[in-house]
Each structure stands twice: as C-alpha cells, then as structure tokens.
Amino acid sequence: MSAVVTNELHVERLTQADAQAVAAIASEMEGFTIPSDYVVWMLLETNPNYCLSAKKDGALLGYLLALKTLENDRLFVWQLGVATEARSRSHQVLKSLGEALAQACKTGGVHHLEFTTNKRRIHLLSRLSRSVFGSTHEIKGTVTFTDQKGSPQEETIVALTIQ
C-alpha cells in the first residue's frame, strides 16, 4: 500500500515503530485492550495491509488494527483508535483510515467487515460505513466480557458488506 494523503493526514501501513504510540492511544480509549509490542508485531507479520496509521507531521493521530478471518473474504476490525489531541478531527481521521482500508480490502479480495463497538459509538460507525463503504451495517448480536480493569463490558457485533 502506498501512502494516502488526505487533508494533511498521511495514511499508510502501521509499522513496529508505531507500537508505543498505538498503546498510548489505546490507553486513552474507554474499553480498549492495550496491544503489546508483541501483538502489534504479530498483526503486522500476518495482516500488514490491514494495520494502518494516520499521521500528521509524523505524529500518530489514529490507527486501525484488523485481521483476516478463516473466511478469506472477511476482515475483523479489532481496534480503530484516535488520539485525544485529534478528537476534534476524529471524523476526518476515521474517514481517512476507512478509505485506506476500503482500498486495501478491494485489493485483497475482502468483501465483508465485522467489528464490535459500544452503543455510544455505533452512530459514528454507521455514518462511516455509509460514507466510506457505501453500505449500511447489520447488528449481529452482543458479546459480554471483562475489561483489563475487571469491569464488565458489553459490545455490539456489527457486520457490513463492502460495495
């Protein structure tokens, strides 16, 4: 994947050098698991086209970590994070990452995305799925888990088809 430049944001493949910044952003996001350097390395080794960074002037403003499922035309988006200092531009950061992901999916033969989200974020992801992927989402169910702080969490499982 070559770098995509949109409104001064540079979207490109994530690198191992970004791992600490990814962990810092994840630590700011409610309910996110903080990915270790090893997890980032593993995802980059197995799914390099689907792990993306959005940077401005070299600073990581957002990232996306995704992996192909056993069904080769399906991708699970594990994390989509935006740095606190970029929250006022979060739609731009998310849309830029989404557009780069859409291109990577087309190139890689991926036709379906799945992800989980909390109820507060579902409206944002709904807008994003329509504007970037030309698709509406389908609610597949919920999953309940305990986060790193020991608190119970519930996430909605969402699927969409890439048009």
Protein backbone atom coordinates (compact mmCIF):
# COMPACT_ATOMS: atom_id res chain seq x y z
CA MET A 1 0.00 0.00 0.00
CA SER A 2 1.33 3.40 -0.90
CA ALA A 3 0.72 6.32 1.43
CA VAL A 4 -2.59 8.13 1.01
CA VAL A 5 -2.59 11.85 1.78
CA THR A 6 -5.92 13.45 2.72
CA ASN A 7 -6.20 16.91 4.24
CA GLU A 8 -2.61 16.82 5.51
CA LEU A 9 -3.09 13.35 7.02
CA HIS A 10 -0.79 10.63 5.78
CA VAL A 11 -2.41 7.20 5.92
CA GLU A 12 -0.05 4.28 5.45
CA ARG A 13 0.77 0.86 6.80
CA LEU A 14 1.42 0.83 10.51
CA THR A 15 5.00 -0.07 11.48
CA GLN A 16 6.54 -1.62 14.56
CA ALA A 17 7.97 1.82 15.37
CA ASP A 18 4.36 2.96 15.93
CA ALA A 19 3.63 0.31 18.59
CA GLN A 20 4.23 2.53 21.63
CA ALA A 21 2.09 5.34 20.20
CA VAL A 22 -0.67 2.80 19.45
CA ALA A 23 -0.51 1.60 23.07
CA ALA A 24 -0.69 5.21 24.30
CA ILE A 25 -3.80 5.94 22.22
CA ALA A 26 -5.43 2.64 23.24
CA SER A 27 -4.85 3.51 26.90
CA GLU A 28 -6.90 6.70 26.37
CA MET A 29 -9.82 4.84 24.78
CA GLU A 30 -12.56 3.55 27.06
CA GLY A 31 -12.84 -0.24 26.99
CA PHE A 32 -9.84 -0.79 24.69
CA THR A 33 -7.30 -3.53 25.28
CA ILE A 34 -3.80 -2.05 25.18
CA PRO A 35 -1.95 -4.01 22.49
CA SER A 36 1.53 -5.09 23.46
CA ASP A 37 4.52 -4.67 21.16
CA TYR A 38 4.23 -8.41 20.50
CA VAL A 39 0.57 -8.19 19.45
CA VAL A 40 1.36 -5.30 17.09
CA TRP A 41 4.29 -7.28 15.65
CA MET A 42 2.09 -10.36 15.16
CA LEU A 43 -0.61 -8.37 13.38
CA LEU A 44 1.96 -6.64 11.18
CA GLU A 45 3.50 -10.00 10.27
CA THR A 46 0.19 -11.68 9.44
CA ASN A 47 -2.01 -8.79 8.22
CA PRO A 48 0.25 -5.90 7.15
CA ASN A 49 -2.20 -4.45 4.62
CA TYR A 50 -4.92 -4.13 7.25
CA CYS A 51 -2.96 -2.36 10.01
CA LEU A 52 -2.95 1.35 9.22
CA SER A 53 -1.76 4.63 10.68
CA ALA A 54 -2.98 8.19 10.19
CA LYS A 55 -0.25 10.72 10.86
CA LYS A 56 0.23 14.44 10.64
CA ASP A 57 3.76 15.83 10.76
CA GLY A 58 4.96 12.39 11.88
CA ALA A 59 2.66 12.23 14.92
CA LEU A 60 0.24 9.29 15.14
CA LEU A 61 -3.32 10.66 15.28
CA GLY A 62 -5.16 7.42 14.65
CA TYR A 63 -4.68 3.76 13.89
CA LEU A 64 -6.58 0.72 12.70
CA LEU A 65 -5.76 -2.90 13.56
CA ALA A 66 -7.57 -5.61 11.62
CA LEU A 67 -7.07 -9.23 10.68
CA LYS A 68 -8.49 -11.64 8.14
CA THR A 69 -10.73 -14.36 9.50
CA LEU A 70 -10.73 -18.00 8.43
CA GLU A 71 -13.20 -16.94 5.74
CA ASN A 72 -10.68 -15.24 3.48
CA ASP A 73 -13.11 -12.59 2.18
CA ARG A 74 -13.94 -11.40 5.72
CA LEU A 75 -11.95 -8.98 7.87
CA PHE A 76 -12.35 -8.37 11.60
CA VAL A 77 -11.52 -4.80 12.64
CA TRP A 78 -10.13 -5.17 16.15
CA GLN A 79 -9.32 -1.57 17.01
CA LEU A 80 -9.88 1.83 15.47
CA GLY A 81 -8.39 4.47 17.76
CA VAL A 82 -7.99 8.23 17.65
CA ALA A 83 -5.57 10.19 19.83
CA THR A 84 -7.08 12.55 22.40
CA GLU A 85 -5.48 15.57 20.73
CA ALA A 86 -7.16 14.61 17.43
CA ARG A 87 -10.69 14.06 18.79
CA SER A 88 -11.91 17.36 17.30
CA ARG A 89 -10.92 15.89 13.92
CA SER A 90 -11.97 12.32 14.71
CA HIS A 91 -14.38 12.04 11.78
CA GLN A 92 -11.64 13.11 9.35
CA VAL A 93 -9.13 10.69 10.90
CA LEU A 94 -11.63 7.80 10.91
CA LYS A 95 -12.80 8.53 7.37
CA SER A 96 -9.20 8.65 6.09
CA LEU A 97 -8.41 5.32 7.76
CA GLY A 98 -11.69 3.86 6.45
CA GLU A 99 -10.96 4.94 2.89
CA ALA A 100 -7.49 3.39 3.04
CA LEU A 101 -8.99 0.21 4.50
CA ALA A 102 -11.62 0.10 1.73
CA GLN A 103 -8.85 0.26 -0.87
CA ALA A 104 -6.84 -2.46 0.90
CA CYS A 105 -9.97 -4.63 1.06
CA LYS A 106 -10.63 -4.24 -2.66
CA THR A 107 -7.02 -5.14 -3.45
CA GLY A 108 -7.09 -8.08 -1.03
CA GLY A 109 -10.44 -9.55 -2.07
CA VAL A 110 -12.19 -8.72 1.21
CA HIS A 111 -15.96 -8.20 0.84
CA HIS A 112 -17.18 -8.28 4.45
CA LEU A 113 -16.14 -6.42 7.60
CA GLU A 114 -17.01 -7.28 11.18
CA PHE A 115 -16.26 -5.32 14.31
CA THR A 116 -17.54 -4.75 17.80
CA THR A 117 -18.41 -1.40 19.30
CA ASN A 118 -20.16 0.02 22.30
CA LYS A 119 -23.59 1.59 21.93
CA ARG A 120 -22.24 5.15 22.15
CA ARG A 121 -20.02 4.70 19.09
CA ILE A 122 -22.43 2.85 16.83
CA HIS A 123 -23.91 6.03 15.30
CA LEU A 124 -20.43 7.22 14.26
CA LEU A 125 -19.59 3.87 12.70
CA SER A 126 -22.96 3.83 10.95
CA ARG A 127 -22.19 7.16 9.25
CA LEU A 128 -18.71 5.94 8.40
CA SER A 129 -19.96 2.69 6.86
CA ARG A 130 -22.36 4.58 4.60
CA SER A 131 -19.93 7.31 3.54
CA VAL A 132 -16.85 5.13 3.03
CA PHE A 133 -18.12 1.66 2.18
CA GLY A 134 -21.46 2.57 0.58
CA SER A 135 -23.13 0.11 2.90
CA THR A 136 -25.31 0.03 5.96
CA HIS A 137 -24.42 -2.14 8.89
CA GLU A 138 -26.18 -5.16 10.31
CA ILE A 139 -26.33 -5.86 14.05
CA LYS A 140 -25.37 -9.49 14.62
CA GLY A 141 -25.64 -9.63 18.40
CA THR A 142 -23.69 -8.70 21.50
CA VAL A 143 -20.68 -10.00 23.36
CA THR A 144 -20.02 -9.53 27.06
CA PHE A 145 -16.52 -9.57 28.52
CA THR A 146 -14.45 -8.27 31.41
CA ASP A 147 -12.05 -5.44 30.56
CA GLN A 148 -8.49 -5.03 31.85
CA LYS A 149 -9.79 -3.15 34.90
CA GLY A 150 -12.09 -6.05 35.81
CA SER A 151 -15.27 -4.22 34.78
CA PRO A 152 -17.96 -6.00 32.76
CA GLN A 153 -18.41 -4.61 29.24
CA GLU A 154 -20.93 -5.24 26.50
CA GLU A 155 -20.19 -4.64 22.85
CA THR A 156 -22.42 -4.87 19.80
CA ILE A 157 -21.26 -7.14 16.98
CA VAL A 158 -21.65 -5.30 13.66
CA ALA A 159 -21.21 -6.57 10.10
CA LEU A 160 -21.20 -4.82 6.76
CA THR A 161 -20.68 -5.74 3.15
CA ILE A 162 -18.28 -3.69 1.10
CA GLN A 163 -19.97 -2.41 -2.06
